[in-house]
Amino acid sequence: METARNLLERGKPLEALERLKNLLPTAQDEWRVHELIGAAFHDLCDAEGAAQAYFNAARTDKFLRSQRAHFSNYLFALHYLPQLDAPTLIHELAVYNSLYREQIELPKSLRITHCALRIAFLSPNFCDSSAARFFEALLTDYDREKFFVTAWSLSAEEDTFTEKIRRNVDGYFEIEETNFEEAAEQIRDVGTEILIDFGGHTEGGATLQIAAYRPARVQLCGIGYFDSTGLDAIDYFIGDEFLTAHDETFTEKIFTLENAFAFRPNTKMIREKNSRRALPHRNFTFGSLNNFMKLSDDYLAAVKKILDAVPDAKIIFRDTTPLESRQKILIERLKTFGIERAEVRRGADDFFTDYGAIDLILDTFPYPGGMMTALALYMGVPVLNLCGELASRRTGADILRIAGLDELIVTDADAYIKIAVELAENRTQLAALTEKIFIDKLTDTKIFVEDFYGRLEAI
């Protein structure tokens, strides 16, 4: 397996995958092989293969803790698949919850009346990230007379964002080397009354394994994760009336905010926006700056029809990782779809320059962008979205709704293609939409924080 790991580290997922498949028949720890197969499929942008591999890892693992982690990875990967529907998700969430059927919750601490309501935020880390752009204000702008806020990180990794959070909250705790039960005890013992889990099923669902001990009387999940956790120990999911309007999959009650998202750009984003210049380009340019795993066959088929209808247009694809293997895979996929006028770029820190060359972002479906949608709007580039019914398929549309761009939300591929073509052929109409972006509403973290904490008091 070490050879396979080395191949993955060297950016050779195909070679690693072949070696891992050969190891499977004789492997003592079969789950370890499946786990690496999942990583190889990730590097090959094969969402279905990754989901199956993580499921196989969960099925063959003998240890409950890591079995839960594999199943979290599986649940996360399912959201890339177009065939995912509500009945399937409900069933798989129930299977995940069954892995906690013998879970013993912590004894409740003595109830002490504090002057301030004690809130704990739990996250895989507090480094700058897509999720951080939506939760930063909750940890920096709260009323310190009414709330006592602690942050709990499962990672020792730090950056300037971590330092900012550490300076602002009432208590910061790094619990990387602490087992889940001890971490839960620590959260309980500081008098936590409400726990907010930003992680959900990201990073192997480690934060959920802490929440399962119920260190707080009320527990919520959301913002950093986009769907139901399925876990009985989570009482609420953070949403709004649009985000969760048609979704029957939630095992949690909905913690209904006026708007589930408020975007706060970081310093680099602000600097890039202030220095942004639209690059001169004669031909209309579409863009897709999302994780290449989100590029479903249905999405690429729609892109093909759009480009065929706008003969002079092109599209820029930019991944969120720098992996050359994923770039090569997409180039080959585009050939099978007959998509020729496309630039395929690897993930890089200088992706901000793409916005100056793009007229319209074609959001991916069925799994849309979140932070990348908000960032595009912040940079002044409209985004076209195909909205689904599951909450995970409504994130991008919800962000557009908050920004006042309901005209760019559609519910089927034909309408998606039609509007993309119309906007490419009518730049005046596109410019009017660009002018209409209510970025102040999308970035109004003051109202968001007041709404969020006000509702925490209510529950």
Protein backbone atom coordinates (compact mmCIF):
# COMPACT_ATOMS: atom_id res chain seq x y z
CA MET A 1 0.00 0.00 0.00
CA GLU A 2 2.92 2.34 0.56
CA THR A 3 3.73 2.19 -3.13
CA ALA A 4 0.15 3.16 -3.95
CA ARG A 5 0.31 6.06 -1.49
CA ASN A 6 3.53 7.26 -3.07
CA LEU A 7 1.93 7.07 -6.52
CA LEU A 8 -0.99 9.19 -5.29
CA GLU A 9 1.39 11.73 -3.78
CA ARG A 10 3.24 11.91 -7.11
CA GLY A 11 0.01 12.63 -8.98
CA LYS A 12 -0.38 9.20 -10.59
CA PRO A 13 -3.87 8.06 -9.52
CA LEU A 14 -4.38 5.61 -12.43
CA GLU A 15 -1.24 3.68 -11.56
CA ALA A 16 -2.17 3.78 -7.88
CA LEU A 17 -5.68 2.50 -8.63
CA GLU A 18 -4.38 -0.48 -10.61
CA ARG A 19 -2.01 -1.42 -7.82
CA LEU A 20 -4.73 -1.11 -5.19
CA LYS A 21 -7.14 -3.30 -7.15
CA ASN A 22 -4.46 -5.98 -7.32
CA LEU A 23 -3.97 -5.76 -3.55
CA LEU A 24 -7.65 -6.23 -2.67
CA PRO A 25 -7.89 -10.07 -2.92
CA THR A 26 -5.11 -10.63 -0.37
CA ALA A 27 -5.34 -7.51 1.81
CA GLN A 28 -5.69 -8.16 5.55
CA ASP A 29 -7.13 -4.72 6.22
CA GLU A 30 -9.38 -4.52 3.18
CA TRP A 31 -10.91 -1.23 4.34
CA ARG A 32 -7.54 0.53 4.15
CA VAL A 33 -7.29 -0.42 0.48
CA HIS A 34 -10.83 0.81 -0.23
CA GLU A 35 -10.00 4.08 1.53
CA LEU A 36 -7.04 4.65 -0.81
CA ILE A 37 -9.15 3.62 -3.81
CA GLY A 38 -11.56 6.40 -2.82
CA ALA A 39 -8.66 8.87 -2.80
CA ALA A 40 -7.56 7.66 -6.25
CA PHE A 41 -11.06 8.10 -7.66
CA HIS A 42 -11.13 11.61 -6.18
CA ASP A 43 -7.95 12.44 -8.08
CA LEU A 44 -9.57 11.03 -11.22
CA CYS A 45 -12.76 13.09 -10.71
CA ASP A 46 -14.82 9.89 -10.52
CA ALA A 47 -17.51 10.69 -7.95
CA GLU A 48 -19.36 7.39 -8.36
CA GLY A 49 -16.16 5.41 -7.91
CA ALA A 50 -15.23 7.43 -4.82
CA ALA A 51 -18.67 6.95 -3.25
CA GLN A 52 -18.55 3.19 -3.83
CA ALA A 53 -15.02 2.95 -2.42
CA TYR A 54 -15.93 4.81 0.77
CA PHE A 55 -19.03 2.61 1.17
CA ASN A 56 -16.86 -0.49 0.76
CA ALA A 57 -14.43 0.88 3.37
CA ALA A 58 -17.29 1.33 5.84
CA ARG A 59 -18.66 -2.15 5.07
CA THR A 60 -15.34 -3.92 5.64
CA ASP A 61 -13.97 -1.91 8.58
CA LYS A 62 -13.99 -3.60 11.98
CA PHE A 63 -13.63 -0.44 14.06
CA LEU A 64 -16.73 1.63 14.74
CA ARG A 65 -14.99 5.00 14.90
CA SER A 66 -13.37 4.67 11.47
CA GLN A 67 -16.46 2.92 10.07
CA ARG A 68 -18.44 6.05 10.91
CA ALA A 69 -15.78 8.19 9.25
CA HIS A 70 -15.90 6.15 6.04
CA PHE A 71 -19.68 6.38 5.96
CA SER A 72 -19.49 10.16 6.37
CA ASN A 73 -17.14 10.29 3.39
CA TYR A 74 -19.62 8.14 1.48
CA LEU A 75 -22.56 10.41 2.36
CA PHE A 76 -20.59 13.47 1.26
CA ALA A 77 -19.62 11.85 -2.06
CA LEU A 78 -23.24 10.87 -2.78
CA HIS A 79 -24.09 14.54 -3.31
CA TYR A 80 -22.01 14.63 -6.49
CA LEU A 81 -24.23 11.98 -8.08
CA PRO A 82 -27.15 13.10 -10.29
CA GLN A 83 -29.15 9.98 -9.38
CA LEU A 84 -29.27 10.89 -5.67
CA ASP A 85 -32.90 11.37 -4.62
CA ALA A 86 -34.73 11.95 -1.34
CA PRO A 87 -35.67 8.28 -0.63
CA THR A 88 -32.08 7.17 -1.16
CA LEU A 89 -30.67 9.89 1.04
CA ILE A 90 -33.22 9.23 3.80
CA HIS A 91 -32.24 5.56 3.80
CA GLU A 92 -28.50 6.22 3.89
CA LEU A 93 -28.86 8.80 6.67
CA ALA A 94 -30.75 6.20 8.71
CA VAL A 95 -27.93 3.70 8.16
CA TYR A 96 -25.44 6.28 9.41
CA ASN A 97 -27.53 6.99 12.50
CA SER A 98 -27.71 3.26 13.22
CA LEU A 99 -23.93 3.28 13.71
CA TYR A 100 -24.67 5.21 16.94
CA ARG A 101 -27.36 2.84 18.25
CA GLU A 102 -25.23 1.96 21.29
CA GLN A 103 -23.94 5.49 21.83
CA ILE A 104 -23.96 6.58 25.47
CA GLU A 105 -24.51 10.29 26.02
CA LEU A 106 -22.54 12.18 28.65
CA PRO A 107 -24.12 12.80 32.05
CA LYS A 108 -25.53 16.30 32.10
CA SER A 109 -23.53 18.88 34.00
CA LEU A 110 -25.18 20.80 36.81
CA ARG A 111 -27.26 23.59 35.32
CA ILE A 112 -25.66 26.90 36.24
CA THR A 113 -27.29 30.20 35.39
CA HIS A 114 -24.71 32.35 33.58
CA CYS A 115 -25.00 36.02 32.83
CA ALA A 116 -24.28 35.22 29.19
CA LEU A 117 -25.61 32.37 27.05
CA ARG A 118 -22.72 29.96 26.44
CA ILE A 119 -22.24 29.00 22.79
CA ALA A 120 -19.61 26.58 21.45
CA PHE A 121 -18.64 26.45 17.77
CA LEU A 122 -17.08 23.15 16.68
CA SER A 123 -15.16 22.81 13.40
CA PRO A 124 -12.60 20.52 11.73
CA ASN A 125 -10.40 23.65 11.77
CA PHE A 126 -10.62 27.41 11.90
CA CYS A 127 -8.43 28.15 8.89
CA ASP A 128 -9.66 30.35 6.06
CA SER A 129 -11.92 28.33 3.78
CA SER A 130 -15.13 28.46 1.78
CA ALA A 131 -17.17 27.86 4.93
CA ALA A 132 -15.23 30.50 6.87
CA ARG A 133 -16.47 33.19 4.48
CA PHE A 134 -20.00 32.51 5.79
CA PHE A 135 -19.35 31.97 9.52
CA GLU A 136 -16.57 34.44 10.37
CA ALA A 137 -18.92 37.18 11.59
CA LEU A 138 -20.61 34.80 14.05
CA LEU A 139 -17.32 34.48 15.95
CA THR A 140 -16.20 38.10 15.72
CA ASP A 141 -19.28 40.34 15.83
CA TYR A 142 -21.45 38.91 18.61
CA ASP A 143 -22.69 40.79 21.68
CA ARG A 144 -20.18 39.94 24.41
CA GLU A 145 -22.51 40.99 27.22
CA LYS A 146 -25.19 38.54 26.13
CA PHE A 147 -23.10 35.65 24.77
CA PHE A 148 -20.00 33.76 25.86
CA VAL A 149 -18.50 32.15 22.75
CA THR A 150 -15.90 29.38 22.53
CA ALA A 151 -14.32 27.86 19.42
CA TRP A 152 -13.19 24.21 19.29
CA SER A 153 -10.84 23.07 16.52
CA LEU A 154 -10.04 19.46 15.67
CA SER A 155 -6.82 20.55 13.98
CA ALA A 156 -3.63 22.23 15.14
CA GLU A 157 -3.28 23.81 11.69
CA GLU A 158 -3.37 27.60 11.86
CA ASP A 159 -3.29 30.62 9.58
CA THR A 160 -4.06 34.32 9.91
CA PHE A 161 -7.79 33.55 10.05
CA THR A 162 -7.18 31.23 13.01
CA GLU A 163 -5.30 34.00 14.79
CA LYS A 164 -8.21 36.38 14.17
CA ILE A 165 -10.73 33.94 15.64
CA ARG A 166 -8.48 33.20 18.62
CA ARG A 167 -8.21 36.94 19.39
CA ASN A 168 -11.96 37.53 19.16
CA VAL A 169 -13.68 34.63 20.94
CA ASP A 170 -13.93 34.21 24.70
CA GLY A 171 -12.14 30.88 24.56
CA TYR A 172 -10.24 28.98 21.84
CA PHE A 173 -9.43 25.27 22.20
CA GLU A 174 -7.37 23.02 19.93
CA ILE A 175 -8.39 19.40 20.53
CA GLU A 176 -6.55 17.51 17.77
CA GLU A 177 -4.94 15.02 20.17
CA THR A 178 -8.08 14.57 22.31
CA ASN A 179 -10.36 11.58 21.85
CA PHE A 180 -13.99 12.28 20.97
CA GLU A 181 -15.45 11.54 24.39
CA GLU A 182 -12.88 13.66 26.22
CA ALA A 183 -13.44 16.50 23.74
CA ALA A 184 -17.18 16.31 24.42
CA GLU A 185 -16.53 16.37 28.16
CA GLN A 186 -14.39 19.49 27.80
CA ILE A 187 -17.08 21.25 25.78
CA ARG A 188 -19.70 20.32 28.39
CA ASP A 189 -17.52 21.30 31.34
CA VAL A 190 -17.09 24.93 30.25
CA GLY A 191 -20.84 25.24 30.70
CA THR A 192 -21.83 25.04 27.03
CA GLU A 193 -25.57 25.38 26.53
CA ILE A 194 -25.70 25.42 22.70
CA LEU A 195 -23.27 23.65 20.34
CA ILE A 196 -23.01 24.61 16.67
CA ASP A 197 -21.24 22.07 14.45
CA PHE A 198 -19.80 23.57 11.28
CA GLY A 199 -18.36 20.25 10.08
CA GLY A 200 -21.21 17.79 9.51
CA HIS A 201 -20.05 15.03 7.20
CA THR A 202 -16.95 16.90 6.00
CA GLU A 203 -13.55 15.59 7.09
CA GLY A 204 -14.96 12.15 7.85
CA GLY A 205 -17.67 13.52 10.15
CA ALA A 206 -15.29 13.86 13.12
CA THR A 207 -17.25 16.75 14.62
CA LEU A 208 -20.42 14.63 14.56
CA GLN A 209 -18.66 11.93 16.57
CA ILE A 210 -18.13 14.52 19.29
CA ALA A 211 -21.68 15.89 19.05
CA ALA A 212 -23.00 12.32 19.41
CA TYR A 213 -22.02 12.44 23.10
CA ARG A 214 -24.37 15.46 23.42
CA PRO A 215 -22.10 17.85 25.33
CA ALA A 216 -24.73 20.61 25.02
CA ARG A 217 -28.46 20.67 25.69
CA VAL A 218 -29.21 22.05 22.22
CA GLN A 219 -27.12 21.16 19.15
CA LEU A 220 -27.16 22.56 15.61
CA CYS A 221 -25.35 21.89 12.34
CA GLY A 222 -25.00 23.92 9.18
CA ILE A 223 -23.17 26.71 7.30
CA GLY A 224 -20.05 24.53 6.88
CA TYR A 225 -22.18 21.56 5.81
CA PHE A 226 -25.09 21.74 3.40
CA ASP A 227 -27.50 18.92 4.28
CA SER A 228 -29.03 16.78 6.98
CA THR A 229 -26.60 14.86 9.17
CA GLY A 230 -29.07 12.07 9.96
CA LEU A 231 -27.75 12.04 13.53
CA ASP A 232 -30.32 12.03 16.34
CA ALA A 233 -27.99 14.11 18.53
CA ILE A 234 -28.29 17.09 16.15
CA ASP A 235 -31.48 18.98 16.97
CA TYR A 236 -31.48 21.70 14.29
CA PHE A 237 -30.15 22.38 10.81
CA ILE A 238 -29.37 26.02 10.02
CA GLY A 239 -31.43 27.04 6.99
CA ASP A 240 -34.06 29.42 5.67
CA GLU A 241 -37.47 29.04 4.06
CA PHE A 242 -35.99 28.81 0.55
CA LEU A 243 -33.06 26.49 1.24
CA THR A 244 -35.10 23.75 2.91
CA ALA A 245 -38.47 24.44 1.25
CA HIS A 246 -38.90 21.12 -0.59
CA ASP A 247 -36.53 18.85 1.29
CA GLU A 248 -38.08 15.94 3.20
CA THR A 249 -34.75 14.36 4.10
CA PHE A 250 -34.01 16.32 7.27
CA THR A 251 -33.97 14.43 10.55
CA GLU A 252 -33.36 17.78 12.27
CA LYS A 253 -35.79 20.61 12.91
CA ILE A 254 -35.00 23.64 10.76
CA PHE A 255 -33.38 26.59 12.53
CA THR A 256 -35.04 29.07 10.20
CA LEU A 257 -33.14 32.29 9.60
CA GLU A 258 -34.30 35.13 7.39
CA ASN A 259 -31.32 34.26 5.17
CA ALA A 260 -29.09 31.23 5.74
CA PHE A 261 -26.06 32.94 4.20
CA ALA A 262 -24.15 36.18 4.61
CA PHE A 263 -20.86 36.38 2.73
CA ARG A 264 -17.85 38.15 4.20
CA PRO A 265 -14.92 38.48 1.75
CA ASN A 266 -11.42 38.16 3.12
CA THR A 267 -8.68 40.75 2.66
CA LYS A 268 -7.39 39.21 -0.55
CA MET A 269 -10.85 39.13 -2.10
CA ILE A 270 -11.42 42.77 -1.21
CA ARG A 271 -8.06 43.73 -2.69
CA GLU A 272 -8.74 41.77 -5.88
CA LYS A 273 -12.18 43.34 -6.27
CA ASN A 274 -10.81 46.84 -5.83
CA SER A 275 -8.12 46.24 -8.44
CA ARG A 276 -10.34 44.19 -10.79
CA ARG A 277 -10.39 45.24 -14.41
CA ALA A 278 -12.56 43.62 -17.04
CA LEU A 279 -10.19 42.18 -19.62
CA PRO A 280 -10.95 43.14 -23.21
CA HIS A 281 -12.33 40.14 -25.08
CA ARG A 282 -14.40 40.17 -28.23
CA ASN A 283 -16.11 36.79 -27.85
CA PHE A 284 -18.54 35.96 -25.08
CA THR A 285 -16.91 33.92 -22.32
CA PHE A 286 -18.68 31.56 -19.94
CA GLY A 287 -17.00 30.29 -16.80
CA SER A 288 -17.13 27.35 -14.42
CA LEU A 289 -14.85 27.75 -11.41
CA ASN A 290 -16.12 24.86 -9.31
CA ASN A 291 -14.57 21.58 -8.21
CA PHE A 292 -14.28 19.37 -11.32
CA MET A 293 -16.08 16.60 -9.37
CA LYS A 294 -19.23 18.71 -9.80
CA LEU A 295 -19.11 18.58 -13.62
CA SER A 296 -21.84 16.01 -14.22
CA ASP A 297 -22.58 14.53 -17.63
CA ASP A 298 -25.89 16.42 -17.74
CA TYR A 299 -24.08 19.67 -17.01
CA LEU A 300 -21.49 19.12 -19.74
CA ALA A 301 -24.25 18.16 -22.19
CA ALA A 302 -25.92 21.50 -21.45
CA VAL A 303 -22.62 23.35 -21.92
CA LYS A 304 -22.23 21.68 -25.31
CA LYS A 305 -25.70 22.86 -26.42
CA ILE A 306 -25.00 26.39 -25.20
CA LEU A 307 -21.70 26.64 -27.06
CA ASP A 308 -23.28 25.19 -30.20
CA ALA A 309 -25.96 27.90 -30.05
CA VAL A 310 -23.38 30.67 -29.53
CA PRO A 311 -20.71 29.83 -32.13
CA ASP A 312 -18.18 32.49 -31.10
CA ALA A 313 -18.40 31.82 -27.36
CA LYS A 314 -15.97 29.84 -25.23
CA ILE A 315 -15.83 28.59 -21.63
CA ILE A 316 -13.15 28.60 -18.96
CA PHE A 317 -13.09 25.65 -16.55
CA ARG A 318 -11.04 26.17 -13.39
CA ASP A 319 -10.63 23.39 -10.81
CA THR A 320 -10.34 23.94 -7.06
CA THR A 321 -7.27 21.69 -6.80
CA PRO A 322 -3.92 21.94 -8.62
CA LEU A 323 -3.92 18.27 -9.67
CA GLU A 324 -2.74 17.71 -13.24
CA SER A 325 -4.52 14.33 -13.32
CA ARG A 326 -7.91 16.03 -12.96
CA GLN A 327 -7.07 18.54 -15.67
CA LYS A 328 -6.15 15.75 -18.09
CA ILE A 329 -9.29 13.77 -17.24
CA LEU A 330 -11.53 16.76 -17.98
CA ILE A 331 -9.78 17.49 -21.27
CA GLU A 332 -10.56 13.93 -22.36
CA ARG A 333 -14.16 14.15 -21.14
CA LEU A 334 -14.70 17.36 -23.10
CA LYS A 335 -13.55 15.57 -26.24
CA THR A 336 -16.22 12.90 -25.76
CA PHE A 337 -18.86 15.64 -25.51
CA GLY A 338 -17.49 17.45 -28.54
CA ILE A 339 -16.72 20.59 -26.50
CA GLU A 340 -13.86 22.33 -28.28
CA ARG A 341 -13.88 26.00 -27.31
CA ALA A 342 -12.79 25.46 -23.72
CA GLU A 343 -9.82 26.31 -21.53
CA VAL A 344 -9.13 23.85 -18.74
CA ARG A 345 -7.15 25.31 -15.87
CA ARG A 346 -5.88 23.75 -12.68
CA GLY A 347 -6.68 25.25 -9.30
CA ALA A 348 -4.32 28.08 -8.36
CA ASP A 349 -4.14 31.07 -6.05
CA ASP A 350 -4.35 33.48 -8.98
CA PHE A 351 -7.82 32.27 -10.06
CA PHE A 352 -9.20 35.73 -9.20
CA THR A 353 -7.95 36.97 -12.57
CA ASP A 354 -10.48 34.68 -14.27
CA TYR A 355 -13.35 36.95 -13.28
CA GLY A 356 -12.07 39.74 -15.50
CA ALA A 357 -12.33 37.44 -18.52
CA ILE A 358 -15.74 35.87 -17.75
CA ASP A 359 -19.13 37.32 -18.71
CA LEU A 360 -21.39 34.68 -17.12
CA ILE A 361 -20.74 31.82 -14.70
CA LEU A 362 -22.56 28.58 -15.56
CA ASP A 363 -23.11 27.08 -12.14
CA THR A 364 -22.72 23.31 -11.93
CA PHE A 365 -25.68 20.99 -11.38
CA PRO A 366 -27.02 19.04 -9.64
CA TYR A 367 -24.32 20.03 -7.06
CA PRO A 368 -23.95 23.82 -7.28
CA GLY A 369 -21.36 26.21 -5.98
CA GLY A 370 -21.64 27.90 -2.59
CA MET A 371 -18.76 30.20 -1.80
CA MET A 372 -17.77 30.30 -5.48
CA THR A 373 -21.25 31.60 -6.34
CA ALA A 374 -21.09 34.28 -3.66
CA LEU A 375 -17.56 35.25 -4.69
CA ALA A 376 -18.52 35.57 -8.35
CA LEU A 377 -21.38 37.90 -7.43
CA TYR A 378 -19.08 39.89 -5.16
CA MET A 379 -16.66 40.25 -8.08
CA GLY A 380 -19.52 41.49 -10.27
CA VAL A 381 -20.03 38.40 -12.44
CA PRO A 382 -23.61 36.99 -12.72
CA VAL A 383 -24.23 33.28 -12.12
CA LEU A 384 -26.83 31.09 -13.82
CA ASN A 385 -28.17 28.32 -11.57
CA LEU A 386 -30.31 25.20 -12.03
CA CYS A 387 -32.09 24.71 -8.70
CA GLY A 388 -33.10 21.29 -7.38
CA GLU A 389 -35.23 20.16 -4.43
CA LEU A 390 -32.66 18.75 -2.00
CA ALA A 391 -31.10 21.47 0.17
CA SER A 392 -27.65 20.59 -1.20
CA ARG A 393 -28.98 21.47 -4.67
CA ARG A 394 -30.47 24.80 -3.59
CA THR A 395 -27.42 26.48 -2.02
CA GLY A 396 -26.37 28.42 -5.11
CA ALA A 397 -29.94 29.45 -5.87
CA ASP A 398 -30.43 30.65 -2.28
CA ILE A 399 -27.34 32.86 -2.59
CA LEU A 400 -28.69 34.28 -5.88
CA ARG A 401 -32.06 34.89 -4.23
CA ILE A 402 -30.44 36.81 -1.39
CA ALA A 403 -28.53 38.88 -3.96
CA GLY A 404 -31.78 39.70 -5.79
CA LEU A 405 -31.11 37.65 -8.93
CA ASP A 406 -34.16 35.37 -9.04
CA GLU A 407 -34.16 35.72 -12.85
CA LEU A 408 -31.01 33.60 -12.95
CA ILE A 409 -32.59 30.66 -11.11
CA VAL A 410 -34.19 27.94 -13.27
CA THR A 411 -35.52 24.45 -12.53
CA ASP A 412 -34.75 22.48 -15.70
CA ALA A 413 -31.94 22.10 -18.22
CA ASP A 414 -33.90 23.48 -21.18
CA ALA A 415 -34.52 26.78 -19.38
CA TYR A 416 -30.86 26.81 -18.27
CA ILE A 417 -29.68 26.52 -21.88
CA LYS A 418 -32.24 29.05 -23.14
CA ILE A 419 -31.28 31.78 -20.66
CA ALA A 420 -27.53 31.22 -21.13
CA VAL A 421 -27.92 31.66 -24.89
CA GLU A 422 -30.17 34.72 -24.51
CA LEU A 423 -27.72 36.47 -22.21
CA ALA A 424 -24.79 35.68 -24.50
CA GLU A 425 -26.67 37.24 -27.40
CA ASN A 426 -27.94 40.25 -25.43
CA ARG A 427 -25.16 41.86 -23.45
CA THR A 428 -27.39 44.80 -22.56
CA GLN A 429 -29.69 42.42 -20.70
CA LEU A 430 -26.68 40.84 -19.00
CA ALA A 431 -25.32 44.23 -18.01
CA ALA A 432 -28.69 45.12 -16.46
CA LEU A 433 -28.54 41.96 -14.34
CA THR A 434 -24.99 42.78 -13.30
CA GLU A 435 -26.09 46.21 -12.17
CA LYS A 436 -28.94 44.63 -10.20
CA ILE A 437 -26.75 42.47 -7.95
CA PHE A 438 -27.63 43.44 -4.36
CA ILE A 439 -24.18 42.69 -3.01
CA ASP A 440 -24.84 44.78 0.10
CA LYS A 441 -27.67 42.43 1.06
CA LEU A 442 -25.55 39.32 0.47
CA THR A 443 -22.70 40.76 2.56
CA ASP A 444 -24.85 42.17 5.36
CA THR A 445 -23.29 40.19 8.19
CA LYS A 446 -24.66 42.61 10.83
CA ILE A 447 -28.28 41.60 10.24
CA PHE A 448 -27.22 37.96 9.83
CA VAL A 449 -25.45 37.91 13.21
CA GLU A 450 -28.33 39.65 14.98
CA ASP A 451 -30.84 37.22 13.45
CA PHE A 452 -28.71 34.17 14.28
CA TYR A 453 -28.05 35.00 17.92
CA GLY A 454 -31.58 36.26 18.45
CA ARG A 455 -32.93 32.89 17.37
CA LEU A 456 -30.42 31.08 19.57
CA GLU A 457 -31.86 32.96 22.53
CA ALA A 458 -35.35 31.93 21.45
CA ILE A 459 -34.54 28.21 21.47
